[in-house]
Amino acid sequence: MGVSILSGAHLGLVKKLMDKMKGKEISDCLVIVGGLIPKADRPVLKKMGVHAIFSGGTHVEDAITFITENIQR
């Protein structure tokens, strides 16, 4: 699941998303976040269960490589 957030509300929105996923017992989903994510917030997102964070300037190839290496088939 990919989430792109440019509003600055990433911590609250991702927490709601992860709580909903836990409530539905969805644990086998790769979660990636992109957008304007400050470096200080990245460890918080990782602790919530986000697998990868792709901020502005990320090369598309890097995102594709991460997804293909980590997606469960």
N, C-alpha and C. Protein backbone atom coordinates (compact mmCIF):
# COMPACT_ATOMS: atom_id res chain seq x y z
N MET A 1 0.84 -1.15 0.00
CA MET A 1 0.00 0.00 0.00
C MET A 1 0.90 1.22 0.00
N GLY A 2 0.66 2.13 -0.89
CA GLY A 2 1.44 3.34 -0.98
C GLY A 2 0.61 4.54 -0.59
N VAL A 3 1.17 5.40 0.25
CA VAL A 3 0.48 6.60 0.70
C VAL A 3 1.39 7.79 0.42
N SER A 4 0.87 8.79 -0.25
CA SER A 4 1.63 10.00 -0.52
C SER A 4 0.94 11.16 0.20
N ILE A 5 1.70 11.85 1.05
CA ILE A 5 1.11 12.91 1.87
C ILE A 5 1.95 14.17 1.71
N LEU A 6 1.32 15.23 1.27
CA LEU A 6 2.01 16.50 1.09
C LEU A 6 1.52 17.57 2.07
N SER A 7 0.54 17.21 2.90
CA SER A 7 -0.10 18.19 3.77
C SER A 7 0.61 18.41 5.10
N GLY A 8 1.53 17.53 5.45
CA GLY A 8 2.17 17.62 6.75
C GLY A 8 1.44 16.84 7.82
N ALA A 9 0.36 16.18 7.46
CA ALA A 9 -0.44 15.42 8.41
C ALA A 9 -0.06 13.94 8.43
N HIS A 10 1.14 13.61 7.98
CA HIS A 10 1.53 12.21 7.80
C HIS A 10 1.50 11.39 9.08
N LEU A 11 1.91 11.94 10.21
CA LEU A 11 1.95 11.15 11.44
C LEU A 11 0.54 10.72 11.85
N GLY A 12 -0.39 11.64 11.87
CA GLY A 12 -1.75 11.31 12.25
C GLY A 12 -2.45 10.39 11.26
N LEU A 13 -2.28 10.67 9.97
CA LEU A 13 -2.93 9.86 8.95
C LEU A 13 -2.36 8.44 8.90
N VAL A 14 -1.05 8.32 8.98
CA VAL A 14 -0.45 6.99 8.94
C VAL A 14 -0.82 6.21 10.20
N LYS A 15 -0.88 6.87 11.35
CA LYS A 15 -1.30 6.17 12.57
C LYS A 15 -2.71 5.62 12.41
N LYS A 16 -3.62 6.43 11.87
CA LYS A 16 -5.00 5.96 11.65
C LYS A 16 -5.01 4.77 10.69
N LEU A 17 -4.24 4.87 9.62
CA LEU A 17 -4.16 3.78 8.64
C LEU A 17 -3.65 2.50 9.29
N MET A 18 -2.55 2.61 10.03
CA MET A 18 -1.95 1.42 10.64
C MET A 18 -2.89 0.82 11.70
N ASP A 19 -3.58 1.67 12.47
CA ASP A 19 -4.55 1.18 13.45
C ASP A 19 -5.69 0.43 12.76
N LYS A 20 -6.18 0.98 11.66
CA LYS A 20 -7.26 0.31 10.90
C LYS A 20 -6.79 -1.03 10.37
N MET A 21 -5.55 -1.06 9.86
CA MET A 21 -5.02 -2.32 9.33
C MET A 21 -4.89 -3.36 10.44
N LYS A 22 -4.43 -2.95 11.61
CA LYS A 22 -4.32 -3.88 12.73
C LYS A 22 -5.69 -4.36 13.16
N GLY A 23 -6.67 -3.45 13.17
CA GLY A 23 -8.03 -3.81 13.54
C GLY A 23 -8.66 -4.82 12.59
N LYS A 24 -8.25 -4.77 11.34
CA LYS A 24 -8.74 -5.71 10.33
C LYS A 24 -7.81 -6.90 10.17
N GLU A 25 -6.79 -6.96 11.02
CA GLU A 25 -5.80 -8.03 10.99
C GLU A 25 -5.09 -8.13 9.64
N ILE A 26 -4.77 -6.98 9.09
CA ILE A 26 -4.01 -6.92 7.84
C ILE A 26 -2.55 -6.72 8.23
N SER A 27 -1.78 -7.76 8.14
CA SER A 27 -0.38 -7.66 8.56
C SER A 27 0.59 -8.04 7.45
N ASP A 28 0.08 -8.52 6.35
CA ASP A 28 0.96 -8.98 5.27
C ASP A 28 1.03 -7.98 4.11
N CYS A 29 0.84 -6.71 4.44
CA CYS A 29 0.82 -5.67 3.42
C CYS A 29 2.05 -4.79 3.55
N LEU A 30 2.75 -4.61 2.46
CA LEU A 30 3.90 -3.72 2.43
C LEU A 30 3.37 -2.28 2.42
N VAL A 31 3.80 -1.47 3.39
CA VAL A 31 3.32 -0.10 3.50
C VAL A 31 4.49 0.85 3.22
N ILE A 32 4.30 1.71 2.22
CA ILE A 32 5.31 2.70 1.89
C ILE A 32 4.66 4.09 1.93
N VAL A 33 5.45 5.07 2.33
CA VAL A 33 4.95 6.44 2.45
C VAL A 33 5.86 7.36 1.67
N GLY A 34 5.26 8.31 0.99
CA GLY A 34 6.02 9.30 0.26
C GLY A 34 5.47 10.69 0.53
N GLY A 35 6.23 11.67 0.15
CA GLY A 35 5.78 13.05 0.31
C GLY A 35 6.79 13.88 1.06
N LEU A 36 6.30 14.93 1.68
CA LEU A 36 7.15 15.85 2.44
C LEU A 36 7.28 15.33 3.86
N ILE A 37 8.22 14.44 4.08
CA ILE A 37 8.40 13.78 5.37
C ILE A 37 9.71 14.26 6.00
N PRO A 38 9.64 15.02 7.09
CA PRO A 38 10.87 15.47 7.75
C PRO A 38 11.67 14.28 8.29
N LYS A 39 12.98 14.42 8.28
CA LYS A 39 13.85 13.33 8.75
C LYS A 39 13.53 12.93 10.18
N ALA A 40 13.15 13.88 11.02
CA ALA A 40 12.84 13.59 12.42
C ALA A 40 11.61 12.69 12.57
N ASP A 41 10.73 12.69 11.58
CA ASP A 41 9.50 11.89 11.66
C ASP A 41 9.68 10.47 11.12
N ARG A 42 10.74 10.22 10.41
CA ARG A 42 10.94 8.91 9.78
C ARG A 42 11.03 7.77 10.80
N PRO A 43 11.78 7.91 11.90
CA PRO A 43 11.81 6.82 12.88
C PRO A 43 10.43 6.56 13.51
N VAL A 44 9.65 7.61 13.66
CA VAL A 44 8.30 7.46 14.23
C VAL A 44 7.43 6.64 13.27
N LEU A 45 7.50 6.95 12.00
CA LEU A 45 6.74 6.20 11.00
C LEU A 45 7.18 4.75 10.93
N LYS A 46 8.49 4.53 11.01
CA LYS A 46 9.02 3.15 11.00
C LYS A 46 8.49 2.38 12.21
N LYS A 47 8.45 3.03 13.36
CA LYS A 47 7.95 2.38 14.58
C LYS A 47 6.47 2.02 14.44
N MET A 48 5.74 2.82 13.67
CA MET A 48 4.33 2.53 13.42
C MET A 48 4.14 1.31 12.52
N GLY A 49 5.20 0.95 11.80
CA GLY A 49 5.12 -0.21 10.92
C GLY A 49 5.32 0.09 9.45
N VAL A 50 5.66 1.34 9.12
CA VAL A 50 5.93 1.70 7.72
C VAL A 50 7.22 1.03 7.29
N HIS A 51 7.20 0.39 6.13
CA HIS A 51 8.36 -0.35 5.65
C HIS A 51 9.40 0.53 4.96
N ALA A 52 8.94 1.58 4.27
CA ALA A 52 9.87 2.46 3.57
C ALA A 52 9.26 3.84 3.42
N ILE A 53 10.13 4.84 3.36
CA ILE A 53 9.72 6.22 3.19
C ILE A 53 10.49 6.79 2.01
N PHE A 54 9.75 7.31 1.04
CA PHE A 54 10.35 7.89 -0.16
C PHE A 54 9.96 9.36 -0.23
N SER A 55 10.91 10.23 0.05
CA SER A 55 10.66 11.67 0.00
C SER A 55 10.97 12.21 -1.38
N GLY A 56 10.71 13.50 -1.55
CA GLY A 56 11.01 14.16 -2.81
C GLY A 56 12.46 13.94 -3.19
N GLY A 57 12.70 13.75 -4.45
CA GLY A 57 14.06 13.50 -4.93
C GLY A 57 14.43 12.04 -5.02
N THR A 58 13.56 11.17 -4.52
CA THR A 58 13.81 9.73 -4.61
C THR A 58 13.77 9.32 -6.08
N HIS A 59 14.74 8.56 -6.51
CA HIS A 59 14.74 8.03 -7.87
C HIS A 59 13.70 6.93 -7.97
N VAL A 60 12.93 6.96 -9.02
CA VAL A 60 11.89 5.96 -9.23
C VAL A 60 12.47 4.56 -9.18
N GLU A 61 13.66 4.39 -9.72
CA GLU A 61 14.29 3.08 -9.73
C GLU A 61 14.53 2.56 -8.31
N ASP A 62 14.85 3.46 -7.37
CA ASP A 62 15.07 3.06 -5.98
C ASP A 62 13.77 2.54 -5.36
N ALA A 63 12.68 3.21 -5.63
CA ALA A 63 11.38 2.77 -5.11
C ALA A 63 10.98 1.44 -5.72
N ILE A 64 11.18 1.30 -7.01
CA ILE A 64 10.84 0.04 -7.70
C ILE A 64 11.68 -1.10 -7.15
N THR A 65 12.95 -0.88 -6.97
CA THR A 65 13.83 -1.92 -6.42
C THR A 65 13.37 -2.34 -5.04
N PHE A 66 13.07 -1.36 -4.17
CA PHE A 66 12.61 -1.71 -2.83
C PHE A 66 11.34 -2.54 -2.87
N ILE A 67 10.38 -2.12 -3.68
CA ILE A 67 9.10 -2.83 -3.75
C ILE A 67 9.29 -4.24 -4.28
N THR A 68 10.03 -4.39 -5.37
CA THR A 68 10.20 -5.71 -5.95
C THR A 68 10.98 -6.66 -5.04
N GLU A 69 11.90 -6.11 -4.24
CA GLU A 69 12.67 -6.95 -3.32
C GLU A 69 11.91 -7.29 -2.05
N ASN A 70 10.86 -6.55 -1.73
CA ASN A 70 10.18 -6.73 -0.45
C ASN A 70 8.73 -7.16 -0.55
N ILE A 71 8.17 -7.17 -1.73
CA ILE A 71 6.77 -7.56 -1.85
C ILE A 71 6.64 -9.08 -1.67
N GLN A 72 5.58 -9.47 -0.98
CA GLN A 72 5.33 -10.91 -0.80
C GLN A 72 4.53 -11.40 -1.98
N ARG A 73 5.00 -12.46 -2.56
CA ARG A 73 4.30 -13.02 -3.74
C ARG A 73 3.37 -14.13 -3.34
